N, C-alpha and C. Protein backbone atom coordinates (compact mmCIF):
# COMPACT_ATOMS: atom_id res chain seq x y z
N MET A 1 77.36 131.34 111.59
CA MET A 1 77.88 132.66 111.95
C MET A 1 79.39 132.64 111.71
N ASN A 2 79.87 133.60 110.94
CA ASN A 2 81.30 133.70 110.67
C ASN A 2 81.83 135.05 111.17
N ILE A 3 83.14 135.28 111.01
CA ILE A 3 83.76 136.51 111.54
C ILE A 3 83.15 137.78 110.93
N PRO A 4 83.01 137.88 109.60
CA PRO A 4 82.39 139.10 109.06
C PRO A 4 80.98 139.36 109.62
N ASN A 5 80.18 138.31 109.76
CA ASN A 5 78.83 138.49 110.31
C ASN A 5 78.87 138.90 111.77
N LEU A 6 79.81 138.34 112.53
CA LEU A 6 79.95 138.74 113.94
C LEU A 6 80.33 140.21 114.06
N ILE A 7 81.18 140.67 113.16
CA ILE A 7 81.58 142.09 113.15
C ILE A 7 80.36 142.97 112.84
N THR A 8 79.54 142.53 111.90
CA THR A 8 78.33 143.29 111.56
C THR A 8 77.36 143.33 112.75
N VAL A 9 77.19 142.21 113.42
CA VAL A 9 76.33 142.17 114.61
C VAL A 9 76.90 143.09 115.69
N LEU A 10 78.23 143.10 115.83
CA LEU A 10 78.87 144.01 116.79
C LEU A 10 78.49 145.46 116.49
N ARG A 11 78.45 145.82 115.22
CA ARG A 11 78.10 147.19 114.83
C ARG A 11 76.69 147.54 115.31
N VAL A 12 75.77 146.61 115.20
CA VAL A 12 74.41 146.86 115.69
C VAL A 12 74.42 146.98 117.23
N LEU A 13 75.19 146.13 117.89
CA LEU A 13 75.26 146.16 119.34
C LEU A 13 75.94 147.42 119.88
N LEU A 14 76.74 148.07 119.04
CA LEU A 14 77.39 149.32 119.46
C LEU A 14 76.41 150.50 119.52
N ILE A 15 75.25 150.39 118.88
CA ILE A 15 74.31 151.52 118.81
C ILE A 15 73.86 151.98 120.20
N PRO A 16 73.39 151.08 121.07
CA PRO A 16 72.98 151.58 122.40
C PRO A 16 74.15 152.15 123.20
N ILE A 17 75.32 151.60 123.03
CA ILE A 17 76.51 152.13 123.72
C ILE A 17 76.81 153.54 123.20
N PHE A 18 76.73 153.69 121.90
CA PHE A 18 76.93 154.99 121.25
C PHE A 18 75.94 156.02 121.79
N ILE A 19 74.67 155.65 121.88
CA ILE A 19 73.64 156.57 122.38
C ILE A 19 73.92 156.93 123.84
N LEU A 20 74.22 155.93 124.65
CA LEU A 20 74.50 156.18 126.06
C LEU A 20 75.67 157.14 126.22
N LEU A 21 76.75 156.90 125.50
CA LEU A 21 77.92 157.79 125.59
C LEU A 21 77.58 159.21 125.15
N PHE A 22 76.78 159.33 124.10
CA PHE A 22 76.41 160.65 123.60
C PHE A 22 75.69 161.48 124.66
N TYR A 23 74.85 160.84 125.44
CA TYR A 23 74.04 161.55 126.43
C TYR A 23 74.67 161.66 127.82
N LEU A 24 75.82 161.06 128.04
CA LEU A 24 76.46 161.20 129.35
C LEU A 24 76.82 162.66 129.60
N PRO A 25 76.66 163.13 130.82
CA PRO A 25 76.90 164.55 131.13
C PRO A 25 78.36 164.88 131.44
N PHE A 26 79.26 164.39 130.62
CA PHE A 26 80.68 164.65 130.84
C PHE A 26 81.27 165.32 129.60
N THR A 27 82.33 166.08 129.79
CA THR A 27 82.95 166.78 128.66
C THR A 27 83.54 165.80 127.65
N TRP A 28 83.94 164.63 128.10
CA TRP A 28 84.55 163.65 127.19
C TRP A 28 83.51 162.80 126.45
N SER A 29 82.22 162.98 126.76
CA SER A 29 81.21 162.11 126.14
C SER A 29 81.11 162.30 124.63
N TYR A 30 81.31 163.52 124.14
CA TYR A 30 81.29 163.74 122.68
C TYR A 30 82.38 162.93 121.99
N LEU A 31 83.58 163.01 122.54
CA LEU A 31 84.69 162.26 121.95
C LEU A 31 84.48 160.76 122.04
N ALA A 32 83.95 160.30 123.17
CA ALA A 32 83.71 158.86 123.34
C ALA A 32 82.65 158.37 122.34
N ALA A 33 81.56 159.12 122.20
CA ALA A 33 80.52 158.74 121.24
C ALA A 33 81.07 158.74 119.82
N SER A 34 81.88 159.75 119.51
CA SER A 34 82.49 159.83 118.18
C SER A 34 83.43 158.65 117.94
N ALA A 35 84.17 158.26 118.96
CA ALA A 35 85.10 157.12 118.82
C ALA A 35 84.33 155.83 118.56
N VAL A 36 83.22 155.63 119.24
CA VAL A 36 82.41 154.43 119.01
C VAL A 36 81.83 154.46 117.60
N PHE A 37 81.36 155.63 117.17
CA PHE A 37 80.84 155.74 115.81
C PHE A 37 81.95 155.46 114.79
N ALA A 38 83.14 156.01 115.02
CA ALA A 38 84.27 155.76 114.12
C ALA A 38 84.63 154.27 114.08
N LEU A 39 84.60 153.63 115.25
CA LEU A 39 84.85 152.18 115.29
C LEU A 39 83.82 151.44 114.45
N ALA A 40 82.56 151.83 114.58
CA ALA A 40 81.50 151.21 113.78
C ALA A 40 81.74 151.43 112.29
N ALA A 41 82.18 152.63 111.92
CA ALA A 41 82.46 152.92 110.51
C ALA A 41 83.60 152.04 109.99
N VAL A 42 84.61 151.83 110.81
CA VAL A 42 85.73 150.97 110.42
C VAL A 42 85.27 149.53 110.29
N THR A 43 84.39 149.08 111.21
CA THR A 43 83.90 147.70 111.11
C THR A 43 83.06 147.51 109.85
N ASP A 44 82.42 148.58 109.37
CA ASP A 44 81.66 148.50 108.12
C ASP A 44 82.59 148.12 106.97
N TRP A 45 83.73 148.77 106.92
CA TRP A 45 84.71 148.43 105.88
C TRP A 45 85.29 147.03 106.14
N LEU A 46 85.63 146.75 107.41
CA LEU A 46 86.32 145.51 107.76
C LEU A 46 85.47 144.27 107.47
N ASP A 47 84.19 144.31 107.82
CA ASP A 47 83.38 143.10 107.60
C ASP A 47 83.24 142.79 106.12
N GLY A 48 83.10 143.82 105.29
CA GLY A 48 83.03 143.59 103.85
C GLY A 48 84.34 143.07 103.29
N TYR A 49 85.44 143.65 103.75
CA TYR A 49 86.77 143.21 103.30
C TYR A 49 86.99 141.74 103.67
N LEU A 50 86.70 141.39 104.92
CA LEU A 50 86.91 140.01 105.37
C LEU A 50 85.98 139.03 104.66
N ALA A 51 84.74 139.43 104.44
CA ALA A 51 83.80 138.55 103.74
C ALA A 51 84.31 138.21 102.35
N ARG A 52 84.86 139.23 101.66
CA ARG A 52 85.40 138.97 100.32
C ARG A 52 86.71 138.20 100.40
N ARG A 53 87.60 138.62 101.26
CA ARG A 53 88.94 138.01 101.38
C ARG A 53 88.86 136.55 101.82
N LEU A 54 88.00 136.27 102.80
CA LEU A 54 87.88 134.91 103.34
C LEU A 54 86.81 134.10 102.61
N GLU A 55 86.19 134.73 101.60
CA GLU A 55 85.10 134.10 100.85
C GLU A 55 84.02 133.59 101.80
N GLN A 56 83.59 134.50 102.70
CA GLN A 56 82.58 134.15 103.69
C GLN A 56 81.33 135.03 103.56
N SER A 57 81.02 135.43 102.35
CA SER A 57 79.79 136.19 102.13
C SER A 57 78.60 135.27 102.35
N THR A 58 77.60 135.78 103.06
CA THR A 58 76.40 134.98 103.34
C THR A 58 75.16 135.83 103.07
N PRO A 59 74.03 135.19 102.85
CA PRO A 59 72.78 135.96 102.70
C PRO A 59 72.48 136.79 103.96
N PHE A 60 72.75 136.23 105.13
CA PHE A 60 72.52 136.97 106.38
C PHE A 60 73.39 138.23 106.42
N GLY A 61 74.65 138.11 106.05
CA GLY A 61 75.55 139.25 106.03
C GLY A 61 75.13 140.28 105.00
N ALA A 62 74.70 139.81 103.84
CA ALA A 62 74.25 140.72 102.77
C ALA A 62 73.01 141.49 103.21
N PHE A 63 72.18 140.87 104.05
CA PHE A 63 71.00 141.55 104.57
C PHE A 63 71.37 142.51 105.70
N LEU A 64 72.15 142.01 106.69
CA LEU A 64 72.38 142.78 107.90
C LEU A 64 73.35 143.94 107.71
N ASP A 65 74.33 143.81 106.83
CA ASP A 65 75.34 144.87 106.66
C ASP A 65 74.72 146.22 106.31
N PRO A 66 73.89 146.32 105.26
CA PRO A 66 73.32 147.63 104.97
C PRO A 66 72.33 148.11 106.04
N VAL A 67 71.66 147.17 106.71
CA VAL A 67 70.76 147.55 107.79
C VAL A 67 71.55 148.17 108.94
N ALA A 68 72.66 147.54 109.30
CA ALA A 68 73.52 148.05 110.39
C ALA A 68 74.04 149.44 110.04
N ASP A 69 74.47 149.62 108.80
CA ASP A 69 74.98 150.92 108.37
C ASP A 69 73.91 152.00 108.48
N LYS A 70 72.74 151.70 107.95
CA LYS A 70 71.66 152.70 107.95
C LYS A 70 71.19 153.01 109.36
N LEU A 71 71.13 151.99 110.23
CA LEU A 71 70.74 152.24 111.62
C LEU A 71 71.73 153.16 112.32
N MET A 72 73.01 152.87 112.17
CA MET A 72 74.04 153.67 112.85
C MET A 72 74.02 155.11 112.35
N VAL A 73 73.94 155.30 111.05
CA VAL A 73 73.94 156.65 110.48
C VAL A 73 72.66 157.39 110.87
N ALA A 74 71.51 156.74 110.78
CA ALA A 74 70.25 157.39 111.13
C ALA A 74 70.23 157.80 112.61
N VAL A 75 70.72 156.94 113.48
CA VAL A 75 70.77 157.27 114.91
C VAL A 75 71.70 158.46 115.12
N ALA A 76 72.86 158.45 114.49
CA ALA A 76 73.80 159.57 114.64
C ALA A 76 73.18 160.87 114.15
N LEU A 77 72.51 160.83 113.01
CA LEU A 77 71.89 162.04 112.48
C LEU A 77 70.78 162.55 113.39
N VAL A 78 69.96 161.66 113.92
CA VAL A 78 68.88 162.07 114.81
C VAL A 78 69.46 162.71 116.08
N LEU A 79 70.48 162.10 116.65
CA LEU A 79 71.12 162.66 117.84
C LEU A 79 71.68 164.05 117.55
N LEU A 80 72.35 164.19 116.42
CA LEU A 80 72.96 165.47 116.07
C LEU A 80 71.91 166.54 115.77
N VAL A 81 70.83 166.17 115.10
CA VAL A 81 69.76 167.13 114.82
C VAL A 81 69.19 167.65 116.13
N GLN A 82 68.95 166.76 117.07
CA GLN A 82 68.42 167.16 118.37
C GLN A 82 69.42 168.06 119.10
N GLU A 83 70.68 167.74 119.02
CA GLU A 83 71.72 168.49 119.75
C GLU A 83 72.00 169.86 119.11
N HIS A 84 72.08 169.91 117.79
CA HIS A 84 72.45 171.14 117.10
C HIS A 84 71.25 172.02 116.77
N ALA A 85 70.12 171.40 116.46
CA ALA A 85 68.86 172.11 116.20
C ALA A 85 69.02 173.32 115.29
N ASN A 86 69.59 173.09 114.11
CA ASN A 86 69.68 174.17 113.12
C ASN A 86 69.50 173.60 111.71
N ILE A 87 69.23 174.47 110.78
CA ILE A 87 68.95 174.04 109.41
C ILE A 87 70.18 173.44 108.73
N TRP A 88 71.38 173.89 109.12
CA TRP A 88 72.61 173.41 108.48
C TRP A 88 72.84 171.93 108.71
N LEU A 89 72.27 171.41 109.77
CA LEU A 89 72.38 169.98 110.04
C LEU A 89 71.06 169.27 109.74
N THR A 90 69.94 169.90 110.06
CA THR A 90 68.64 169.25 109.90
C THR A 90 68.30 168.96 108.45
N LEU A 91 68.52 169.91 107.56
CA LEU A 91 68.18 169.70 106.15
C LEU A 91 69.02 168.58 105.53
N PRO A 92 70.35 168.60 105.67
CA PRO A 92 71.11 167.46 105.12
C PRO A 92 70.72 166.13 105.76
N ALA A 93 70.42 166.13 107.06
CA ALA A 93 70.02 164.89 107.73
C ALA A 93 68.71 164.37 107.14
N ALA A 94 67.75 165.25 106.91
CA ALA A 94 66.47 164.85 106.32
C ALA A 94 66.67 164.31 104.91
N ILE A 95 67.55 164.94 104.15
CA ILE A 95 67.85 164.47 102.79
C ILE A 95 68.46 163.08 102.83
N ILE A 96 69.45 162.89 103.70
CA ILE A 96 70.16 161.61 103.78
C ILE A 96 69.22 160.49 104.23
N ILE A 97 68.44 160.73 105.29
CA ILE A 97 67.53 159.69 105.79
C ILE A 97 66.41 159.44 104.77
N GLY A 98 65.87 160.50 104.19
CA GLY A 98 64.82 160.34 103.18
C GLY A 98 65.29 159.56 101.98
N ARG A 99 66.49 159.84 101.52
CA ARG A 99 67.05 159.13 100.37
C ARG A 99 67.21 157.64 100.69
N GLU A 100 67.66 157.33 101.89
CA GLU A 100 67.84 155.93 102.26
C GLU A 100 66.51 155.19 102.23
N ILE A 101 65.45 155.84 102.66
CA ILE A 101 64.13 155.21 102.62
C ILE A 101 63.69 154.99 101.17
N VAL A 102 63.85 156.02 100.34
CA VAL A 102 63.46 155.91 98.93
C VAL A 102 64.25 154.82 98.22
N ILE A 103 65.55 154.81 98.39
CA ILE A 103 66.39 153.83 97.67
C ILE A 103 66.18 152.42 98.20
N SER A 104 65.96 152.27 99.50
CA SER A 104 65.66 150.94 100.04
C SER A 104 64.37 150.40 99.44
N ALA A 105 63.35 151.23 99.36
CA ALA A 105 62.08 150.82 98.75
C ALA A 105 62.27 150.51 97.27
N LEU A 106 63.05 151.35 96.58
CA LEU A 106 63.30 151.14 95.16
C LEU A 106 64.03 149.81 94.93
N ARG A 107 65.05 149.54 95.74
CA ARG A 107 65.80 148.28 95.58
C ARG A 107 64.90 147.07 95.84
N GLU A 108 64.06 147.17 96.85
CA GLU A 108 63.15 146.06 97.15
C GLU A 108 62.19 145.84 95.98
N TRP A 109 61.64 146.91 95.45
CA TRP A 109 60.71 146.81 94.35
C TRP A 109 61.40 146.27 93.09
N MET A 110 62.61 146.77 92.83
CA MET A 110 63.36 146.29 91.65
C MET A 110 63.72 144.81 91.80
N ALA A 111 64.00 144.39 93.04
CA ALA A 111 64.29 142.97 93.27
C ALA A 111 63.08 142.11 92.94
N GLU A 112 61.89 142.60 93.27
CA GLU A 112 60.67 141.88 92.92
C GLU A 112 60.51 141.72 91.42
N LEU A 113 61.01 142.72 90.67
CA LEU A 113 60.95 142.65 89.21
C LEU A 113 62.09 141.84 88.61
N GLY A 114 63.03 141.44 89.46
CA GLY A 114 64.21 140.72 88.97
C GLY A 114 65.23 141.65 88.33
N ALA A 115 65.19 142.92 88.69
CA ALA A 115 66.08 143.92 88.07
C ALA A 115 66.90 144.67 89.12
N ARG A 116 67.20 144.00 90.23
CA ARG A 116 67.93 144.66 91.32
C ARG A 116 69.30 145.17 90.88
N ALA A 117 69.93 144.53 89.93
CA ALA A 117 71.26 144.94 89.45
C ALA A 117 71.25 146.36 88.89
N HIS A 118 70.11 146.81 88.43
CA HIS A 118 70.00 148.17 87.89
C HIS A 118 70.16 149.24 88.96
N VAL A 119 69.98 148.86 90.21
CA VAL A 119 70.11 149.82 91.31
C VAL A 119 71.15 149.33 92.33
N ALA A 120 72.20 148.70 91.85
CA ALA A 120 73.29 148.24 92.72
C ALA A 120 74.10 149.45 93.19
N VAL A 121 74.86 149.24 94.25
CA VAL A 121 75.69 150.31 94.81
C VAL A 121 76.70 150.77 93.78
N SER A 122 76.87 152.08 93.67
CA SER A 122 77.81 152.64 92.69
C SER A 122 79.00 153.27 93.41
N SER A 123 80.01 153.66 92.63
CA SER A 123 81.18 154.31 93.22
C SER A 123 80.82 155.68 93.79
N LEU A 124 79.78 156.30 93.26
CA LEU A 124 79.30 157.57 93.80
C LEU A 124 78.88 157.39 95.26
N GLY A 125 78.28 156.25 95.55
CA GLY A 125 77.88 155.93 96.91
C GLY A 125 79.05 155.84 97.86
N LYS A 126 80.19 155.40 97.36
CA LYS A 126 81.40 155.31 98.20
C LYS A 126 81.87 156.70 98.60
N TRP A 127 81.83 157.64 97.67
CA TRP A 127 82.23 159.03 97.97
C TRP A 127 81.25 159.66 98.96
N LYS A 128 79.96 159.39 98.74
CA LYS A 128 78.94 159.90 99.64
C LYS A 128 79.16 159.36 101.04
N THR A 129 79.44 158.09 101.14
CA THR A 129 79.66 157.46 102.45
C THR A 129 80.89 158.04 103.13
N ALA A 130 81.96 158.26 102.38
CA ALA A 130 83.18 158.82 102.96
C ALA A 130 82.93 160.22 103.52
N ALA A 131 82.26 161.07 102.75
CA ALA A 131 81.96 162.43 103.22
C ALA A 131 81.03 162.39 104.43
N GLN A 132 80.05 161.53 104.37
CA GLN A 132 79.07 161.40 105.45
C GLN A 132 79.73 160.91 106.73
N MET A 133 80.54 159.87 106.64
CA MET A 133 81.19 159.32 107.84
C MET A 133 82.16 160.34 108.44
N ALA A 134 82.93 161.01 107.60
CA ALA A 134 83.86 162.03 108.11
C ALA A 134 83.09 163.14 108.81
N ALA A 135 82.00 163.59 108.19
CA ALA A 135 81.17 164.65 108.80
C ALA A 135 80.63 164.21 110.14
N LEU A 136 80.12 163.00 110.21
CA LEU A 136 79.51 162.53 111.45
C LEU A 136 80.54 162.34 112.56
N VAL A 137 81.69 161.81 112.23
CA VAL A 137 82.75 161.65 113.24
C VAL A 137 83.14 163.02 113.79
N ILE A 138 83.31 164.00 112.91
CA ILE A 138 83.69 165.36 113.34
C ILE A 138 82.59 165.98 114.19
N LEU A 139 81.36 165.92 113.72
CA LEU A 139 80.25 166.56 114.44
C LEU A 139 79.97 165.89 115.78
N LEU A 140 80.08 164.57 115.84
CA LEU A 140 79.87 163.87 117.10
C LEU A 140 80.95 164.19 118.13
N ALA A 141 82.15 164.49 117.66
CA ALA A 141 83.28 164.76 118.56
C ALA A 141 83.25 166.15 119.16
N ASN A 142 82.37 167.01 118.65
CA ASN A 142 82.37 168.42 119.08
C ASN A 142 81.01 168.85 119.59
N PRO A 143 81.00 169.67 120.64
CA PRO A 143 79.72 170.22 121.10
C PRO A 143 79.15 171.17 120.05
N PRO A 144 77.85 171.46 120.14
CA PRO A 144 77.20 172.28 119.11
C PRO A 144 77.52 173.77 119.26
N VAL A 145 78.79 174.08 119.18
CA VAL A 145 79.27 175.47 119.24
C VAL A 145 80.01 175.71 117.94
N MET A 146 79.72 176.83 117.28
CA MET A 146 80.32 177.09 115.97
C MET A 146 81.84 177.27 116.10
N THR A 147 82.55 176.26 115.64
CA THR A 147 84.01 176.29 115.57
C THR A 147 84.40 175.89 114.16
N VAL A 148 85.68 175.94 113.88
CA VAL A 148 86.16 175.53 112.56
C VAL A 148 85.81 174.06 112.32
N TRP A 149 85.92 173.24 113.37
CA TRP A 149 85.62 171.80 113.22
C TRP A 149 84.15 171.56 112.93
N VAL A 150 83.29 172.26 113.65
CA VAL A 150 81.85 172.10 113.42
C VAL A 150 81.49 172.61 112.03
N LEU A 151 82.07 173.72 111.62
CA LEU A 151 81.84 174.25 110.27
C LEU A 151 82.30 173.25 109.21
N LEU A 152 83.45 172.61 109.44
CA LEU A 152 83.93 171.57 108.52
C LEU A 152 82.95 170.40 108.50
N GLY A 153 82.46 170.00 109.67
CA GLY A 153 81.48 168.91 109.74
C GLY A 153 80.21 169.24 108.98
N TYR A 154 79.69 170.45 109.17
CA TYR A 154 78.50 170.88 108.42
C TYR A 154 78.76 170.86 106.92
N SER A 155 79.92 171.38 106.53
CA SER A 155 80.27 171.43 105.10
C SER A 155 80.33 170.03 104.50
N LEU A 156 80.96 169.11 105.20
CA LEU A 156 81.04 167.73 104.71
C LEU A 156 79.67 167.07 104.67
N LEU A 157 78.83 167.38 105.64
CA LEU A 157 77.49 166.81 105.65
C LEU A 157 76.66 167.35 104.48
N ILE A 158 76.84 168.63 104.16
CA ILE A 158 76.15 169.22 103.01
C ILE A 158 76.65 168.59 101.72
N VAL A 159 77.96 168.34 101.62
CA VAL A 159 78.51 167.64 100.45
C VAL A 159 77.91 166.24 100.37
N ALA A 160 77.84 165.54 101.51
CA ALA A 160 77.26 164.19 101.54
C ALA A 160 75.81 164.22 101.10
N ALA A 161 75.05 165.24 101.54
CA ALA A 161 73.64 165.35 101.15
C ALA A 161 73.52 165.61 99.64
N ALA A 162 74.40 166.45 99.10
CA ALA A 162 74.38 166.71 97.66
C ALA A 162 74.69 165.43 96.88
N LEU A 163 75.71 164.70 97.32
CA LEU A 163 76.05 163.43 96.67
C LEU A 163 74.92 162.42 96.83
N THR A 164 74.24 162.49 97.96
CA THR A 164 73.09 161.62 98.21
C THR A 164 71.98 161.87 97.19
N LEU A 165 71.68 163.15 96.96
CA LEU A 165 70.67 163.49 95.96
C LEU A 165 71.11 163.08 94.57
N TRP A 166 72.38 163.31 94.26
CA TRP A 166 72.92 162.95 92.96
C TRP A 166 72.81 161.44 92.74
N SER A 167 73.22 160.66 93.74
CA SER A 167 73.15 159.20 93.59
C SER A 167 71.70 158.73 93.52
N MET A 168 70.79 159.38 94.26
CA MET A 168 69.39 159.01 94.19
C MET A 168 68.85 159.24 92.77
N CYS A 169 69.21 160.38 92.18
CA CYS A 169 68.79 160.65 90.80
C CYS A 169 69.36 159.60 89.85
N HIS A 170 70.60 159.21 90.08
CA HIS A 170 71.25 158.17 89.26
C HIS A 170 70.46 156.86 89.35
N TYR A 171 70.10 156.46 90.58
CA TYR A 171 69.35 155.23 90.77
C TYR A 171 67.95 155.32 90.15
N LEU A 172 67.29 156.46 90.35
CA LEU A 172 65.95 156.61 89.80
C LEU A 172 65.97 156.61 88.27
N LEU A 173 66.99 157.23 87.68
CA LEU A 173 67.11 157.20 86.22
C LEU A 173 67.36 155.78 85.72
N ALA A 174 68.19 155.03 86.45
CA ALA A 174 68.46 153.64 86.05
C ALA A 174 67.19 152.79 86.17
N ALA A 175 66.36 153.09 87.15
CA ALA A 175 65.14 152.31 87.37
C ALA A 175 63.98 152.82 86.53
N TRP A 176 64.08 154.02 85.96
CA TRP A 176 62.95 154.64 85.28
C TRP A 176 62.31 153.76 84.20
N PRO A 177 63.10 153.08 83.36
CA PRO A 177 62.44 152.23 82.35
C PRO A 177 61.52 151.18 82.99
N HIS A 178 61.91 150.67 84.15
CA HIS A 178 61.07 149.69 84.83
C HIS A 178 59.88 150.35 85.50
N LEU A 179 60.07 151.55 85.99
CA LEU A 179 58.98 152.29 86.63
C LEU A 179 57.94 152.71 85.61
N SER A 180 58.41 153.22 84.48
CA SER A 180 57.47 153.72 83.47
C SER A 180 56.76 152.59 82.74
N THR A 181 57.43 151.48 82.46
CA THR A 181 56.75 150.37 81.76
C THR A 181 55.73 149.70 82.67
N THR A 182 56.04 149.62 83.96
CA THR A 182 55.09 149.02 84.90
C THR A 182 53.86 149.92 85.03
N ALA A 183 54.10 151.22 85.06
CA ALA A 183 52.98 152.17 85.18
C ALA A 183 52.08 152.08 83.95
N GLU A 184 52.67 151.89 82.77
CA GLU A 184 51.88 151.81 81.54
C GLU A 184 51.04 150.55 81.49
N LYS A 185 51.51 149.47 82.12
CA LYS A 185 50.81 148.19 82.10
C LYS A 185 49.58 148.19 83.00
N LYS A 186 49.54 149.08 83.98
CA LYS A 186 48.41 149.10 84.93
C LYS A 186 47.18 149.71 84.36
């Protein structure tokens, strides 16, 4: 266990704290939950930076880092969908969570074929993550009342969902030669 891996484990351990803060019946609970989510988002960047900088990349870290990210984002989206209960949040949330399931399955399948590099993370994913994290921090910090901040959060989440679909199409196109040749062999 090294520092980057401990930071990643911390991100997973922050999830129940995040949920608890979100549901506390106090006016400050939205801000507190948002702050914990923002801390988790920063640790996502920090653990990767430290792993590269300190040359402490490990198979455990490579496995747990994307799992921790997806867990935190999925939990935040589910909480927000329940809290806001509208199409402006539910549809982008369904797109983002659905895409993560599809791409995770695609990466696993491509790894079995020895072609995982064809579906590696792209720079488009970085933009999607930035829009998504900003949207979630904003939406978590505010009650579900239409304000300029909530509207900005919805807008960023819709941008993130659009980038999510775009990146999914990019990954599927990159994997298509492997998908179609395997289908022809059956």
